[in-house]
PDB file of N, CA and C in Angstrom:
ATOM      1  N   MET A   1      89.245  38.044 108.679  1.00  0.00           N
ATOM      2  CA  MET A   1      89.472  39.255 107.761  1.00  0.00           C
ATOM      3  C   MET A   1      90.373  39.045 106.581  1.00  0.00           C
ATOM      4  N   PHE A   2      90.078  39.359 105.590  1.00  0.00           N
ATOM      5  CA  PHE A   2      90.916  39.206 104.250  1.00  0.00           C
ATOM      6  C   PHE A   2      91.137  40.778 103.746  1.00  0.00           C
ATOM      7  N   ASN A   3      92.273  40.988 103.183  1.00  0.00           N
ATOM      8  CA  ASN A   3      92.778  42.237 102.632  1.00  0.00           C
ATOM      9  C   ASN A   3      93.682  41.754 101.428  1.00  0.00           C
ATOM     10  N   SER A   4      93.279  41.960 100.335  1.00  0.00           N
ATOM     11  CA  SER A   4      94.156  41.543  99.044  1.00  0.00           C
ATOM     12  C   SER A   4      95.343  42.508  98.885  1.00  0.00           C
ATOM     13  N   GLY A   5      95.242  43.768  99.442  1.00  0.00           N
ATOM     14  CA  GLY A   5      96.257  44.831  99.417  1.00  0.00           C
ATOM     15  C   GLY A   5      96.433  45.329  98.048  1.00  0.00           C
ATOM     16  N   ARG A   6      95.539  44.986  97.061  1.00  0.00           N
ATOM     17  CA  ARG A   6      95.641  45.402  95.764  1.00  0.00           C
ATOM     18  C   ARG A   6      94.760  46.595  95.442  1.00  0.00           C
ATOM     19  N   GLY A   7      94.950  47.549  94.623  1.00  0.00           N
ATOM     20  CA  GLY A   7      94.267  48.549  94.138  1.00  0.00           C
ATOM     21  C   GLY A   7      94.623  49.706  95.152  1.00  0.00           C
ATOM     22  N   LYS A   8      93.904  50.911  94.767  1.00  0.00           N
ATOM     23  CA  LYS A   8      93.913  52.069  95.496  1.00  0.00           C
ATOM     24  C   LYS A   8      93.476  52.098  96.720  1.00  0.00           C
ATOM     25  N   ASP A   9      92.275  51.639  96.911  1.00  0.00           N
ATOM     26  CA  ASP A   9      91.397  51.666  98.019  1.00  0.00           C
ATOM     27  C   ASP A   9      91.041  50.091  98.590  1.00  0.00           C
ATOM     28  N   PRO A  10      91.986  49.339  98.985  1.00  0.00           N
ATOM     29  CA  PRO A  10      91.836  47.743  99.259  1.00  0.00           C
ATOM     30  C   PRO A  10      90.809  47.675 100.453  1.00  0.00           C
ATOM     31  N   LYS A  11      89.782  46.865 100.157  1.00  0.00           N
ATOM     32  CA  LYS A  11      88.792  46.806 101.276  1.00  0.00           C
ATOM     33  C   LYS A  11      89.084  45.515 101.994  1.00  0.00           C
ATOM     34  N   ARG A  12      88.614  45.384 103.420  1.00  0.00           N
ATOM     35  CA  ARG A  12      88.647  44.255 103.970  1.00  0.00           C
ATOM     36  C   ARG A  12      87.409  43.436 103.942  1.00  0.00           C
ATOM     37  N   GLU A  13      87.372  42.118 104.052  1.00  0.00           N
ATOM     38  CA  GLU A  13      86.092  41.404 104.009  1.00  0.00           C
ATOM     39  C   GLU A  13      86.227  40.413 104.942  1.00  0.00           C
ATOM     40  N   VAL A  14      85.117  40.217 105.575  1.00  0.00           N
ATOM     41  CA  VAL A  14      85.042  39.265 106.802  1.00  0.00           C
ATOM     42  C   VAL A  14      84.762  37.789 106.075  1.00  0.00           C
ATOM     43  N   MET A  15      85.651  36.925 106.262  1.00  0.00           N
ATOM     44  CA  MET A  15      85.595  35.700 105.601  1.00  0.00           C
ATOM     45  C   MET A  15      84.579  34.539 106.445  1.00  0.00           C
ATOM     46  N   GLY A  16      84.442  35.076 107.680  1.00  0.00           N
ATOM     47  CA  GLY A  16      83.560  34.271 108.554  1.00  0.00           C
ATOM     48  C   GLY A  16      84.045  34.532 109.954  1.00  0.00           C
ATOM     49  N   THR A  17      83.205  33.706 110.973  1.00  0.00           N
ATOM     50  CA  THR A  17      83.436  33.870 112.223  1.00  0.00           C
ATOM     51  C   THR A  17      83.607  32.502 112.980  1.00  0.00           C
ATOM     52  N   VAL A  18      84.217  32.422 114.087  1.00  0.00           N
ATOM     53  CA  VAL A  18      84.262  31.077 114.679  1.00  0.00           C
ATOM     54  C   VAL A  18      83.536  31.364 116.037  1.00  0.00           C
ATOM     55  N   GLU A  19      82.430  30.563 116.122  1.00  0.00           N
ATOM     56  CA  GLU A  19      81.679  30.477 117.304  1.00  0.00           C
ATOM     57  C   GLU A  19      82.146  29.940 118.576  1.00  0.00           C
ATOM     58  N   ASP A  20      82.738  28.759 118.200  1.00  0.00           N
ATOM     59  CA  ASP A  20      83.166  27.721 119.397  1.00  0.00           C
ATOM     60  C   ASP A  20      84.335  28.179 119.792  1.00  0.00           C
ATOM     61  N   GLU A  21      84.473  28.606 121.190  1.00  0.00           N
ATOM     62  CA  GLU A  21      85.805  29.243 121.785  1.00  0.00           C
ATOM     63  C   GLU A  21      86.945  28.270 121.746  1.00  0.00           C
ATOM     64  N   ARG A  22      86.671  26.839 121.828  1.00  0.00           N
ATOM     65  CA  ARG A  22      87.628  25.780 121.634  1.00  0.00           C
ATOM     66  C   ARG A  22      88.494  26.025 120.398  1.00  0.00           C
ATOM     67  N   LEU A  23      87.842  26.269 119.364  1.00  0.00           N
ATOM     68  CA  LEU A  23      88.447  26.382 118.086  1.00  0.00           C
ATOM     69  C   LEU A  23      89.371  27.465 117.925  1.00  0.00           C
ATOM     70  N   SER A  24      88.675  28.652 118.560  1.00  0.00           N
ATOM     71  CA  SER A  24      89.510  30.009 118.663  1.00  0.00           C
ATOM     72  C   SER A  24      90.962  29.778 119.393  1.00  0.00           C
ATOM     73  N   ARG A  25      90.764  28.930 120.605  1.00  0.00           N
ATOM     74  CA  ARG A  25      91.950  28.857 121.381  1.00  0.00           C
ATOM     75  C   ARG A  25      92.948  27.772 120.575  1.00  0.00           C
ATOM     76  N   LEU A  26      92.250  26.907 120.056  1.00  0.00           N
ATOM     77  CA  LEU A  26      93.248  26.121 119.221  1.00  0.00           C
ATOM     78  C   LEU A  26      94.016  26.730 118.021  1.00  0.00           C
ATOM     79  N   LEU A  27      93.253  27.588 117.368  1.00  0.00           N
ATOM     80  CA  LEU A  27      94.026  28.573 116.470  1.00  0.00           C
ATOM     81  C   LEU A  27      95.062  29.417 117.016  1.00  0.00           C
ATOM     82  N   TRP A  28      94.744  30.138 118.175  1.00  0.00           N
ATOM     83  CA  TRP A  28      95.861  30.730 118.933  1.00  0.00           C
ATOM     84  C   TRP A  28      97.075  29.738 119.287  1.00  0.00           C
ATOM     85  N   LEU A  29      96.793  28.694 119.723  1.00  0.00           N
ATOM     86  CA  LEU A  29      97.837  27.953 120.306  1.00  0.00           C
ATOM     87  C   LEU A  29      98.757  27.325 119.223  1.00  0.00           C
ATOM     88  N   ASN A  30      98.164  27.169 117.943  1.00  0.00           N
ATOM     89  CA  ASN A  30      98.919  26.914 116.762  1.00  0.00           C
ATOM     90  C   ASN A  30      99.664  28.062 116.215  1.00  0.00           C
ATOM     91  N   TYR A  31      99.037  29.229 116.497  1.00  0.00           N
ATOM     92  CA  TYR A  31      99.846  30.462 116.029  1.00  0.00           C
ATOM     93  C   TYR A  31     100.917  30.472 116.800  1.00  0.00           C
ATOM     94  N   LEU A  32     100.899  30.554 118.034  1.00  0.00           N
ATOM     95  CA  LEU A  32     102.124  30.712 118.972  1.00  0.00           C
ATOM     96  C   LEU A  32     103.042  29.389 119.246  1.00  0.00           C
ATOM     97  N   ALA A  33     102.639  28.424 118.714  1.00  0.00           N
ATOM     98  CA  ALA A  33     103.414  27.210 119.092  1.00  0.00           C
ATOM     99  C   ALA A  33     104.553  26.880 117.957  1.00  0.00           C
ATOM    100  N   GLY A  34     105.491  26.052 118.357  1.00  0.00           N
ATOM    101  CA  GLY A  34     106.275  25.453 117.339  1.00  0.00           C
ATOM    102  C   GLY A  34     107.650  26.311 117.178  1.00  0.00           C
ATOM    103  N   SER A  35     108.574  25.730 116.556  1.00  0.00           N
ATOM    104  CA  SER A  35     109.734  26.509 116.245  1.00  0.00           C
ATOM    105  C   SER A  35     109.696  27.630 115.217  1.00  0.00           C
ATOM    106  N   LYS A  36     108.611  27.672 114.267  1.00  0.00           N
ATOM    107  CA  LYS A  36     108.606  28.561 113.333  1.00  0.00           C
ATOM    108  C   LYS A  36     107.226  29.372 113.763  1.00  0.00           C
ATOM    109  N   VAL A  37     107.184  30.266 114.822  1.00  0.00           N
ATOM    110  CA  VAL A  37     106.070  30.953 115.126  1.00  0.00           C
ATOM    111  C   VAL A  37     105.741  31.975 114.379  1.00  0.00           C
ATOM    112  N   ALA A  38     104.584  32.296 114.061  1.00  0.00           N
ATOM    113  CA  ALA A  38     104.085  33.479 113.346  1.00  0.00           C
ATOM    114  C   ALA A  38     104.573  34.724 113.749  1.00  0.00           C
ATOM    115  N   SER A  39     104.545  34.924 115.131  1.00  0.00           N
ATOM    116  CA  SER A  39     105.094  36.154 115.861  1.00  0.00           C
ATOM    117  C   SER A  39     105.635  35.904 117.099  1.00  0.00           C
ATOM    118  N   GLU A  40     106.984  36.047 117.006  1.00  0.00           N
ATOM    119  CA  GLU A  40     107.651  35.652 118.382  1.00  0.00           C
ATOM    120  C   GLU A  40     107.407  36.752 119.438  1.00  0.00           C
ATOM    121  N   PRO A  41     107.450  38.054 119.038  1.00  0.00           N
ATOM    122  CA  PRO A  41     107.194  38.996 120.207  1.00  0.00           C
ATOM    123  C   PRO A  41     105.739  38.758 120.597  1.00  0.00           C
ATOM    124  N   ALA A  42     104.736  38.323 119.939  1.00  0.00           N
ATOM    125  CA  ALA A  42     103.476  38.144 120.514  1.00  0.00           C
ATOM    126  C   ALA A  42     103.414  36.991 121.439  1.00  0.00           C
ATOM    127  N   ARG A  43     104.190  35.890 120.967  1.00  0.00           N
ATOM    128  CA  ARG A  43     104.349  34.636 122.024  1.00  0.00           C
ATOM    129  C   ARG A  43     105.033  35.104 123.183  1.00  0.00           C
ATOM    130  N   GLU A  44     106.261  35.814 123.091  1.00  0.00           N
ATOM    131  CA  GLU A  44     106.969  36.183 124.413  1.00  0.00           C
ATOM    132  C   GLU A  44     105.994  37.008 125.264  1.00  0.00           C
ATOM    133  N   SER A  45     105.124  37.829 124.751  1.00  0.00           N
ATOM    134  CA  SER A  45     104.337  38.791 125.563  1.00  0.00           C
ATOM    135  C   SER A  45     103.290  37.968 126.106  1.00  0.00           C
ATOM    136  N   ILE A  46     102.640  37.121 125.438  1.00  0.00           N
ATOM    137  CA  ILE A  46     101.540  36.133 126.120  1.00  0.00           C
ATOM    138  C   ILE A  46     102.192  35.415 127.183  1.00  0.00           C
ATOM    139  N   ILE A  47     103.230  34.642 126.860  1.00  0.00           N
ATOM    140  CA  ILE A  47     104.002  33.788 127.775  1.00  0.00           C
ATOM    141  C   ILE A  47     104.139  34.693 129.271  1.00  0.00           C
ATOM    142  N   GLU A  48     104.640  35.938 128.948  1.00  0.00           N
ATOM    143  CA  GLU A  48     105.155  36.724 130.146  1.00  0.00           C
ATOM    144  C   GLU A  48     103.963  37.095 130.987  1.00  0.00           C
ATOM    145  N   GLY A  49     102.861  37.383 130.333  1.00  0.00           N
ATOM    146  CA  GLY A  49     101.425  37.670 130.770  1.00  0.00           C
ATOM    147  C   GLY A  49     100.975  36.457 131.732  1.00  0.00           C
ATOM    148  N   VAL A  50     100.908  35.335 131.119  1.00  0.00           N
ATOM    149  CA  VAL A  50     100.615  34.031 131.742  1.00  0.00           C
ATOM    150  C   VAL A  50     101.403  33.671 132.950  1.00  0.00           C
ATOM    151  N   MET A  51     102.750  33.883 132.636  1.00  0.00           N
ATOM    152  CA  MET A  51     103.562  33.579 134.048  1.00  0.00           C
ATOM    153  C   MET A  51     103.380  34.699 135.209  1.00  0.00           C
ATOM    154  N   GLU A  52     103.342  35.713 134.812  1.00  0.00           N
ATOM    155  CA  GLU A  52     102.897  36.715 135.948  1.00  0.00           C
ATOM    156  C   GLU A  52     101.462  36.354 136.622  1.00  0.00           C
ATOM    157  N   PHE A  53     100.614  35.984 135.805  1.00  0.00           N
ATOM    158  CA  PHE A  53      99.356  35.421 136.539  1.00  0.00           C
ATOM    159  C   PHE A  53      99.450  34.355 137.351  1.00  0.00           C
ATOM    160  N   VAL A  54     100.202  33.311 136.910  1.00  0.00           N
ATOM    161  CA  VAL A  54     100.318  32.083 137.613  1.00  0.00           C
ATOM    162  C   VAL A  54     101.166  32.103 138.904  1.00  0.00           C
ATOM    163  N   GLU A  55     102.119  33.013 138.847  1.00  0.00           N
ATOM    164  CA  GLU A  55     103.159  33.126 139.688  1.00  0.00           C
ATOM    165  C   GLU A  55     102.649  33.929 140.945  1.00  0.00           C
ATOM    166  N   ARG A  56     101.278  34.440 140.955  1.00  0.00           N
ATOM    167  CA  ARG A  56     100.745  35.140 142.094  1.00  0.00           C
ATOM    168  C   ARG A  56     100.107  34.172 143.022  1.00  0.00           C
ATOM    169  N   PRO A  57     100.173  34.486 144.337  1.00  0.00           N
ATOM    170  CA  PRO A  57      99.672  33.452 145.308  1.00  0.00           C
ATOM    171  C   PRO A  57      98.253  33.096 145.240  1.00  0.00           C
ATOM    172  N   VAL A  58      98.064  31.937 145.506  1.00  0.00           N
ATOM    173  CA  VAL A  58      96.699  31.476 145.346  1.00  0.00           C
ATOM    174  C   VAL A  58      95.640  32.237 146.320  1.00  0.00           C
ATOM    175  N   GLY A  59      94.419  32.792 145.710  1.00  0.00           N
ATOM    176  CA  GLY A  59      93.462  33.443 146.648  1.00  0.00           C
ATOM    177  C   GLY A  59      93.759  34.910 146.481  1.00  0.00           C
ATOM    178  N   THR A  60      94.596  35.390 145.777  1.00  0.00           N
ATOM    179  CA  THR A  60      94.830  36.992 145.619  1.00  0.00           C
ATOM    180  C   THR A  60      93.610  37.250 144.556  1.00  0.00           C
ATOM    181  N   VAL A  61      93.257  38.531 144.570  1.00  0.00           N
ATOM    182  CA  VAL A  61      92.145  38.929 143.807  1.00  0.00           C
ATOM    183  C   VAL A  61      92.435  38.803 142.222  1.00  0.00           C
ATOM    184  N   ALA A  62      93.494  38.860 142.041  1.00  0.00           N
ATOM    185  CA  ALA A  62      93.980  38.582 140.501  1.00  0.00           C
ATOM    186  C   ALA A  62      93.994  37.277 139.946  1.00  0.00           C
ATOM    187  N   THR A  63      93.844  36.207 140.737  1.00  0.00           N
ATOM    188  CA  THR A  63      93.849  34.888 140.586  1.00  0.00           C
ATOM    189  C   THR A  63      92.397  34.332 140.566  1.00  0.00           C
ATOM    190  N   GLN A  64      91.473  35.212 141.080  1.00  0.00           N
ATOM    191  CA  GLN A  64      90.077  34.613 141.297  1.00  0.00           C
ATOM    192  C   GLN A  64      89.233  34.627 140.068  1.00  0.00           C
ATOM    193  N   VAL A  65      88.615  33.699 139.820  1.00  0.00           N
ATOM    194  CA  VAL A  65      87.712  33.912 138.577  1.00  0.00           C
ATOM    195  C   VAL A  65      86.434  33.931 138.916  1.00  0.00           C
ATOM    196  N   VAL A  66      85.789  35.114 138.363  1.00  0.00           N
ATOM    197  CA  VAL A  66      84.466  35.555 138.633  1.00  0.00           C
ATOM    198  C   VAL A  66      83.465  34.862 137.844  1.00  0.00           C
TER     199      VAL A  66
END
């Protein structure tokens, strides 16, 4: 999505889509990685969610992939 923010009624435009899930994941990893992360609160929230998921005992309903 692109929004120039100019004018009284700025419109959003779709610039394209990413069909390959691997590319989407790579973009997210780059967005959340490094010392100059784009959004520190987003990175912390995602890390907390992943840690909560992996700390659960193996075999629990929450860790089963359907």
